[in-house]
Amino acid sequence: MFKIAVLLIFLLIPGASSGAELKGTVLKVKPAENQIVLKTARGEETLLTTKETKGIENAKEGAKVTVTFSEKDGQPKISEIAPDI
């Protein structure tokens, strides 16, 4: 369901393919799967990290963060994780 919502965002909002932001609390960090699970206003969302993800040190369970991501290969991939101050 999340994939469909992200896809709709990118299709309906001009310029969204350059990146979108989510604010939330880190629930889980799964380094072996390159995943971070966030609790956002929309519910739990799982996003993927890559070798290029900046600010990965900010992804600690319980941390409030702003995540910038884009859809690549049908997956929401994180480009940056910043503390939400």
Protein backbone atom coordinates (compact mmCIF):
# COMPACT_ATOMS: atom_id res chain seq x y z
CA MET A 1 0.00 0.00 0.00
CA PHE A 2 2.85 2.39 0.81
CA LYS A 3 4.38 1.80 -2.63
CA ILE A 4 1.10 2.77 -4.29
CA ALA A 5 0.83 5.95 -2.19
CA VAL A 6 4.40 6.95 -3.02
CA LEU A 7 3.84 6.23 -6.71
CA LEU A 8 0.70 8.39 -6.72
CA ILE A 9 2.59 11.23 -5.05
CA PHE A 10 5.24 11.13 -7.76
CA LEU A 11 2.69 10.96 -10.57
CA LEU A 12 0.38 13.69 -9.28
CA ILE A 13 2.80 16.27 -7.89
CA PRO A 14 5.11 17.94 -10.41
CA GLY A 15 8.73 17.87 -9.32
CA ALA A 16 8.13 15.25 -6.63
CA SER A 17 10.44 12.83 -8.39
CA SER A 18 13.36 14.98 -7.25
CA GLY A 19 12.66 14.04 -3.65
CA ALA A 20 10.04 13.99 -0.96
CA GLU A 21 10.26 14.45 2.79
CA LEU A 22 8.83 12.51 5.69
CA LYS A 23 9.00 13.46 9.35
CA GLY A 24 8.75 10.77 11.94
CA THR A 25 10.24 8.76 14.75
CA VAL A 26 12.64 5.92 14.04
CA LEU A 27 11.04 2.67 15.24
CA LYS A 28 13.57 0.18 13.89
CA VAL A 29 16.92 0.22 12.13
CA LYS A 30 17.63 -2.92 10.11
CA PRO A 31 21.18 -2.60 8.76
CA ALA A 32 21.26 -6.13 7.32
CA GLU A 33 18.21 -5.32 5.16
CA ASN A 34 19.21 -1.67 4.52
CA GLN A 35 15.88 -0.58 6.02
CA ILE A 36 14.61 2.02 8.42
CA VAL A 37 11.09 1.86 9.82
CA LEU A 38 9.53 5.23 10.69
CA LYS A 39 6.36 6.08 12.57
CA THR A 40 4.82 8.99 10.67
CA ALA A 41 1.45 10.72 10.58
CA ARG A 42 0.47 8.15 7.93
CA GLY A 43 1.51 5.14 10.06
CA GLU A 44 4.55 2.87 9.90
CA GLU A 45 6.68 3.31 6.79
CA THR A 46 9.68 1.27 5.69
CA LEU A 47 12.30 2.99 3.57
CA LEU A 48 15.57 1.74 2.13
CA THR A 49 19.05 3.11 2.72
CA THR A 50 21.86 2.99 0.18
CA LYS A 51 25.62 3.55 0.20
CA GLU A 52 24.85 7.15 -0.78
CA THR A 53 22.45 7.83 2.15
CA LYS A 54 23.72 10.83 4.12
CA GLY A 55 23.20 11.20 7.87
CA ILE A 56 22.74 7.50 8.57
CA GLU A 57 24.19 8.14 12.05
CA ASN A 58 20.98 10.08 12.84
CA ALA A 59 18.90 6.90 12.45
CA LYS A 60 18.72 5.70 16.04
CA GLU A 61 15.65 4.06 17.52
CA GLY A 62 13.48 6.72 19.14
CA ALA A 63 15.09 9.62 17.23
CA LYS A 64 12.84 12.20 15.58
CA VAL A 65 14.06 12.71 12.01
CA THR A 66 13.27 14.25 8.66
CA VAL A 67 13.96 11.83 5.82
CA THR A 68 14.45 12.93 2.22
CA PHE A 69 13.79 10.12 -0.24
CA SER A 70 12.95 9.39 -3.84
CA GLU A 71 11.44 6.50 -5.71
CA LYS A 72 14.10 4.42 -7.44
CA ASP A 73 13.51 1.01 -8.98
CA GLY A 74 10.04 0.97 -7.46
CA GLN A 75 11.35 1.46 -3.91
CA PRO A 76 11.47 4.52 -1.61
CA LYS A 77 15.22 5.08 -1.17
CA ILE A 78 16.57 7.53 1.38
CA SER A 79 19.02 10.18 0.24
CA GLU A 80 19.35 11.94 3.61
CA ILE A 81 18.35 11.51 7.27
CA ALA A 82 18.43 14.70 9.35
CA PRO A 83 17.53 15.28 13.01
CA ASP A 84 14.11 16.90 13.37
CA ILE A 85 14.73 19.79 15.70
